[in-house]
C-alpha atoms as a PDB file:
ATOM      1  CA  UNK A   1      19.187  15.990 -17.085  1.00  0.00           C
ATOM      2  CA  UNK A   2      17.137  12.854 -16.881  1.00  0.00           C
ATOM      3  CA  UNK A   3      18.464   9.477 -15.191  1.00  0.00           C
ATOM      4  CA  UNK A   4      16.075   7.204 -17.476  1.00  0.00           C
ATOM      5  CA  UNK A   5      13.794   6.294 -14.389  1.00  0.00           C
ATOM      6  CA  UNK A   6      10.436   6.547 -14.588  1.00  0.00           C
ATOM      7  CA  UNK A   7      10.142   8.870 -11.671  1.00  0.00           C
ATOM      8  CA  UNK A   8       6.231   8.436 -11.120  1.00  0.00           C
ATOM      9  CA  UNK A   9       6.837   4.842 -10.194  1.00  0.00           C
ATOM     10  CA  UNK A  10       9.838   5.565  -8.218  1.00  0.00           C
ATOM     11  CA  UNK A  11       7.753   7.888  -6.221  1.00  0.00           C
ATOM     12  CA  UNK A  12       4.856   4.944  -6.005  1.00  0.00           C
ATOM     13  CA  UNK A  13       7.740   2.576  -4.685  1.00  0.00           C
ATOM     14  CA  UNK A  14       8.664   5.389  -2.213  1.00  0.00           C
ATOM     15  CA  UNK A  15       4.758   5.674  -1.348  1.00  0.00           C
ATOM     16  CA  UNK A  16       4.350   1.761  -0.882  1.00  0.00           C
ATOM     17  CA  UNK A  17       7.492   1.586   0.923  1.00  0.00           C
ATOM     18  CA  UNK A  18       6.418   4.367   3.496  1.00  0.00           C
ATOM     19  CA  UNK A  19       3.211   2.334   3.813  1.00  0.00           C
ATOM     20  CA  UNK A  20       5.044  -0.915   4.674  1.00  0.00           C
ATOM     21  CA  UNK A  21       7.458   0.707   7.070  1.00  0.00           C
ATOM     22  CA  UNK A  22       4.426   2.397   8.958  1.00  0.00           C
ATOM     23  CA  UNK A  23       2.799  -1.139   9.231  1.00  0.00           C
ATOM     24  CA  UNK A  24       5.985  -2.283  10.881  1.00  0.00           C
ATOM     25  CA  UNK A  25       5.897   0.529  13.025  1.00  0.00           C
ATOM     26  CA  UNK A  26       2.390  -0.217  14.215  1.00  0.00           C
ATOM     27  CA  UNK A  27       3.794  -3.831  15.116  1.00  0.00           C
ATOM     28  CA  UNK A  28       6.542  -2.324  17.244  1.00  0.00           C
ATOM     29  CA  UNK A  29       4.774   0.145  18.788  1.00  0.00           C
ATOM     30  CA  UNK A  30       1.502  -1.919  19.834  1.00  0.00           C
ATOM     31  CA  UNK A  31      -1.979  -1.311  20.655  1.00  0.00           C
ATOM     32  CA  UNK A  32      -2.082   2.404  20.542  1.00  0.00           C
ATOM     33  CA  UNK A  33      -0.803   2.513  17.075  1.00  0.00           C
ATOM     34  CA  UNK A  34      -3.249  -0.023  15.995  1.00  0.00           C
ATOM     35  CA  UNK A  35      -6.064   2.100  17.329  1.00  0.00           C
ATOM     36  CA  UNK A  36      -4.345   5.623  15.944  1.00  0.00           C
ATOM     37  CA  UNK A  37      -4.029   3.912  12.421  1.00  0.00           C
ATOM     38  CA  UNK A  38      -7.682   2.915  12.402  1.00  0.00           C
ATOM     39  CA  UNK A  39      -7.183  -1.137  12.845  1.00  0.00           C
ATOM     40  CA  UNK A  40     -10.701  -1.370  14.609  1.00  0.00           C
ATOM     41  CA  UNK A  41     -11.091  -2.488  18.240  1.00  0.00           C
ATOM     42  CA  UNK A  42     -11.158  -5.992  17.656  1.00  0.00           C
ATOM     43  CA  UNK A  43      -7.263  -5.935  16.576  1.00  0.00           C
ATOM     44  CA  UNK A  44      -6.749  -3.144  19.284  1.00  0.00           C
ATOM     45  CA  UNK A  45      -8.075  -5.564  21.872  1.00  0.00           C
ATOM     46  CA  UNK A  46      -6.343  -8.632  20.605  1.00  0.00           C
ATOM     47  CA  UNK A  47      -3.139  -6.746  20.445  1.00  0.00           C
ATOM     48  CA  UNK A  48      -3.566  -5.722  23.933  1.00  0.00           C
ATOM     49  CA  UNK A  49      -4.221  -9.312  24.861  1.00  0.00           C
ATOM     50  CA  UNK A  50      -0.886 -10.258  23.253  1.00  0.00           C
ATOM     51  CA  UNK A  51      -2.461 -12.275  20.482  1.00  0.00           C
ATOM     52  CA  UNK A  52      -0.542 -13.121  17.761  1.00  0.00           C
ATOM     53  CA  UNK A  53      -2.912 -12.568  14.833  1.00  0.00           C
ATOM     54  CA  UNK A  54      -2.676  -8.661  14.620  1.00  0.00           C
ATOM     55  CA  UNK A  55       1.066  -8.626  14.121  1.00  0.00           C
ATOM     56  CA  UNK A  56       0.957 -11.569  11.787  1.00  0.00           C
ATOM     57  CA  UNK A  57      -1.705  -9.813   9.706  1.00  0.00           C
ATOM     58  CA  UNK A  58      -0.036  -6.324   9.820  1.00  0.00           C
ATOM     59  CA  UNK A  59       3.471  -7.902   8.834  1.00  0.00           C
ATOM     60  CA  UNK A  60       1.698  -9.615   5.896  1.00  0.00           C
ATOM     61  CA  UNK A  61       0.495  -6.428   4.821  1.00  0.00           C
ATOM     62  CA  UNK A  62       3.988  -4.936   5.262  1.00  0.00           C
ATOM     63  CA  UNK A  63       5.392  -7.477   3.085  1.00  0.00           C
ATOM     64  CA  UNK A  64       2.769  -7.274   0.202  1.00  0.00           C
ATOM     65  CA  UNK A  65       3.452  -3.235   0.143  1.00  0.00           C
ATOM     66  CA  UNK A  66       7.357  -3.918   0.257  1.00  0.00           C
ATOM     67  CA  UNK A  67       6.705  -6.268  -3.013  1.00  0.00           C
ATOM     68  CA  UNK A  68       4.536  -3.769  -4.405  1.00  0.00           C
ATOM     69  CA  UNK A  69       7.464  -1.146  -3.934  1.00  0.00           C
ATOM     70  CA  UNK A  70       9.960  -3.618  -5.691  1.00  0.00           C
ATOM     71  CA  UNK A  71       7.525  -4.111  -8.795  1.00  0.00           C
ATOM     72  CA  UNK A  72       7.273  -0.392  -8.985  1.00  0.00           C
ATOM     73  CA  UNK A  73      11.058  -0.146  -8.956  1.00  0.00           C
ATOM     74  CA  UNK A  74      11.269  -2.913 -11.461  1.00  0.00           C
ATOM     75  CA  UNK A  75       9.077  -1.179 -13.590  1.00  0.00           C
ATOM     76  CA  UNK A  76      10.457   2.299 -13.226  1.00  0.00           C
ATOM     77  CA  UNK A  77      13.770   0.862 -14.320  1.00  0.00           C
ATOM     78  CA  UNK A  78      15.672   1.061 -11.179  1.00  0.00           C
ATOM     79  CA  UNK A  79      16.362  -2.757 -10.569  1.00  0.00           C
ATOM     80  CA  UNK A  80      16.281  -5.650 -12.955  1.00  0.00           C
ATOM     81  CA  UNK A  81      12.898  -6.829 -14.531  1.00  0.00           C
ATOM     82  CA  UNK A  82      10.729  -8.783 -12.150  1.00  0.00           C
ATOM     83  CA  UNK A  83       8.495 -11.603 -13.317  1.00  0.00           C
ATOM     84  CA  UNK A  84       4.991 -10.822 -14.568  1.00  0.00           C
ATOM     85  CA  UNK A  85       5.850  -7.170 -14.408  1.00  0.00           C
ATOM     86  CA  UNK A  86       3.013  -5.897 -16.413  1.00  0.00           C
ATOM     87  CA  UNK A  87       0.171  -7.927 -14.800  1.00  0.00           C
ATOM     88  CA  UNK A  88       1.711  -7.145 -11.556  1.00  0.00           C
ATOM     89  CA  UNK A  89       1.842  -3.500 -11.823  1.00  0.00           C
ATOM     90  CA  UNK A  90      -1.630  -3.565 -13.334  1.00  0.00           C
ATOM     91  CA  UNK A  91      -3.174  -5.313 -10.326  1.00  0.00           C
ATOM     92  CA  UNK A  92      -1.250  -3.141  -7.878  1.00  0.00           C
ATOM     93  CA  UNK A  93      -2.480  -0.159  -9.625  1.00  0.00           C
ATOM     94  CA  UNK A  94      -6.064  -1.659  -9.574  1.00  0.00           C
ATOM     95  CA  UNK A  95      -5.897  -2.507  -5.961  1.00  0.00           C
ATOM     96  CA  UNK A  96      -4.852   0.957  -5.094  1.00  0.00           C
ATOM     97  CA  UNK A  97      -7.443   2.540  -7.169  1.00  0.00           C
ATOM     98  CA  UNK A  98     -10.413   0.383  -6.228  1.00  0.00           C
ATOM     99  CA  UNK A  99      -9.782   0.681  -2.515  1.00  0.00           C
ATOM    100  CA  UNK A 100      -9.415   4.483  -2.746  1.00  0.00           C
ATOM    101  CA  UNK A 101     -12.567   4.596  -4.752  1.00  0.00           C
ATOM    102  CA  UNK A 102     -14.669   1.811  -2.954  1.00  0.00           C
ATOM    103  CA  UNK A 103     -13.081   1.873   0.280  1.00  0.00           C
ATOM    104  CA  UNK A 104     -15.781   4.391   1.819  1.00  0.00           C
ATOM    105  CA  UNK A 105     -18.750   1.966   0.802  1.00  0.00           C
ATOM    106  CA  UNK A 106     -16.700  -1.270   1.537  1.00  0.00           C
ATOM    107  CA  UNK A 107     -15.544  -0.097   5.022  1.00  0.00           C
ATOM    108  CA  UNK A 108     -18.847   1.640   6.017  1.00  0.00           C
ATOM    109  CA  UNK A 109     -20.102  -0.441   9.233  1.00  0.00           C
ATOM    110  CA  UNK A 110     -17.008  -2.157   9.759  1.00  0.00           C
ATOM    111  CA  UNK A 111     -16.244  -0.238  13.209  1.00  0.00           C
ATOM    112  CA  UNK A 112     -13.776   2.117  11.600  1.00  0.00           C
ATOM    113  CA  UNK A 113     -14.004   5.843  12.035  1.00  0.00           C
ATOM    114  CA  UNK A 114     -15.181   8.086   9.452  1.00  0.00           C
ATOM    115  CA  UNK A 115     -11.954  10.141   9.391  1.00  0.00           C
ATOM    116  CA  UNK A 116      -9.973   6.600   8.982  1.00  0.00           C
ATOM    117  CA  UNK A 117     -12.019   5.538   6.117  1.00  0.00           C
ATOM    118  CA  UNK A 118     -11.678   9.026   4.432  1.00  0.00           C
ATOM    119  CA  UNK A 119      -7.874   9.771   5.207  1.00  0.00           C
ATOM    120  CA  UNK A 120      -6.932   6.083   4.083  1.00  0.00           C
ATOM    121  CA  UNK A 121      -9.211   6.165   1.176  1.00  0.00           C
ATOM    122  CA  UNK A 122      -7.621   9.381  -0.278  1.00  0.00           C
ATOM    123  CA  UNK A 123      -4.090   8.160   0.399  1.00  0.00           C
ATOM    124  CA  UNK A 124      -4.805   4.783  -1.610  1.00  0.00           C
ATOM    125  CA  UNK A 125      -6.418   6.725  -4.412  1.00  0.00           C
ATOM    126  CA  UNK A 126      -3.424   8.892  -4.594  1.00  0.00           C
ATOM    127  CA  UNK A 127      -1.181   6.171  -4.378  1.00  0.00           C
ATOM    128  CA  UNK A 128      -3.262   4.458  -7.292  1.00  0.00           C
ATOM    129  CA  UNK A 129      -3.393   7.520  -9.502  1.00  0.00           C
ATOM    130  CA  UNK A 130       0.410   7.916  -9.097  1.00  0.00           C
ATOM    131  CA  UNK A 131       1.181   4.291 -10.239  1.00  0.00           C
ATOM    132  CA  UNK A 132      -1.383   4.737 -13.114  1.00  0.00           C
ATOM    133  CA  UNK A 133       0.514   7.755 -14.308  1.00  0.00           C
ATOM    134  CA  UNK A 134       3.830   5.981 -14.302  1.00  0.00           C
ATOM    135  CA  UNK A 135       2.129   2.562 -15.757  1.00  0.00           C
ATOM    136  CA  UNK A 136       0.822   4.549 -18.764  1.00  0.00           C
ATOM    137  CA  UNK A 137       4.165   6.079 -19.386  1.00  0.00           C
ATOM    138  CA  UNK A 138       6.130   2.817 -19.367  1.00  0.00           C
ATOM    139  CA  UNK A 139       3.191   0.535 -20.980  1.00  0.00           C
ATOM    140  CA  UNK A 140       4.832   0.088 -24.175  1.00  0.00           C
ATOM    141  CA  UNK A 141       8.211  -1.095 -22.397  1.00  0.00           C
ATOM    142  CA  UNK A 142       6.749  -3.535 -20.048  1.00  0.00           C
ATOM    143  CA  UNK A 143       6.897  -7.349 -21.028  1.00  0.00           C
END
């Protein structure tokens, strides 16, 4: 039995939403989670000092990830079509894939731990592959 939804994109939306919620959690918990999730000492110290920019940047990332989840749900057929659906889904998929593939090079020397770079790059690569799989499946039906 099928519900007509593209399950790869539904899963991709769930993954993006999970990442968005984790970013909200980082804001709520504060400096210890900034450090735990690899934000770098500059952000950790700024959060400890009560500065606003770590929370604003992190909230911005959460909003982008939530929008990406909405676009994946739209392409999956769960919600109404959003504007520029095909180019947006292509861009989202490319960002995840490029972050996954180039993250180890791009983040080297930024003060982030090797563990953070490896784990976050692997997560982004998986997210990108899930989106790519779904995108290929719905390609012909996207406007």
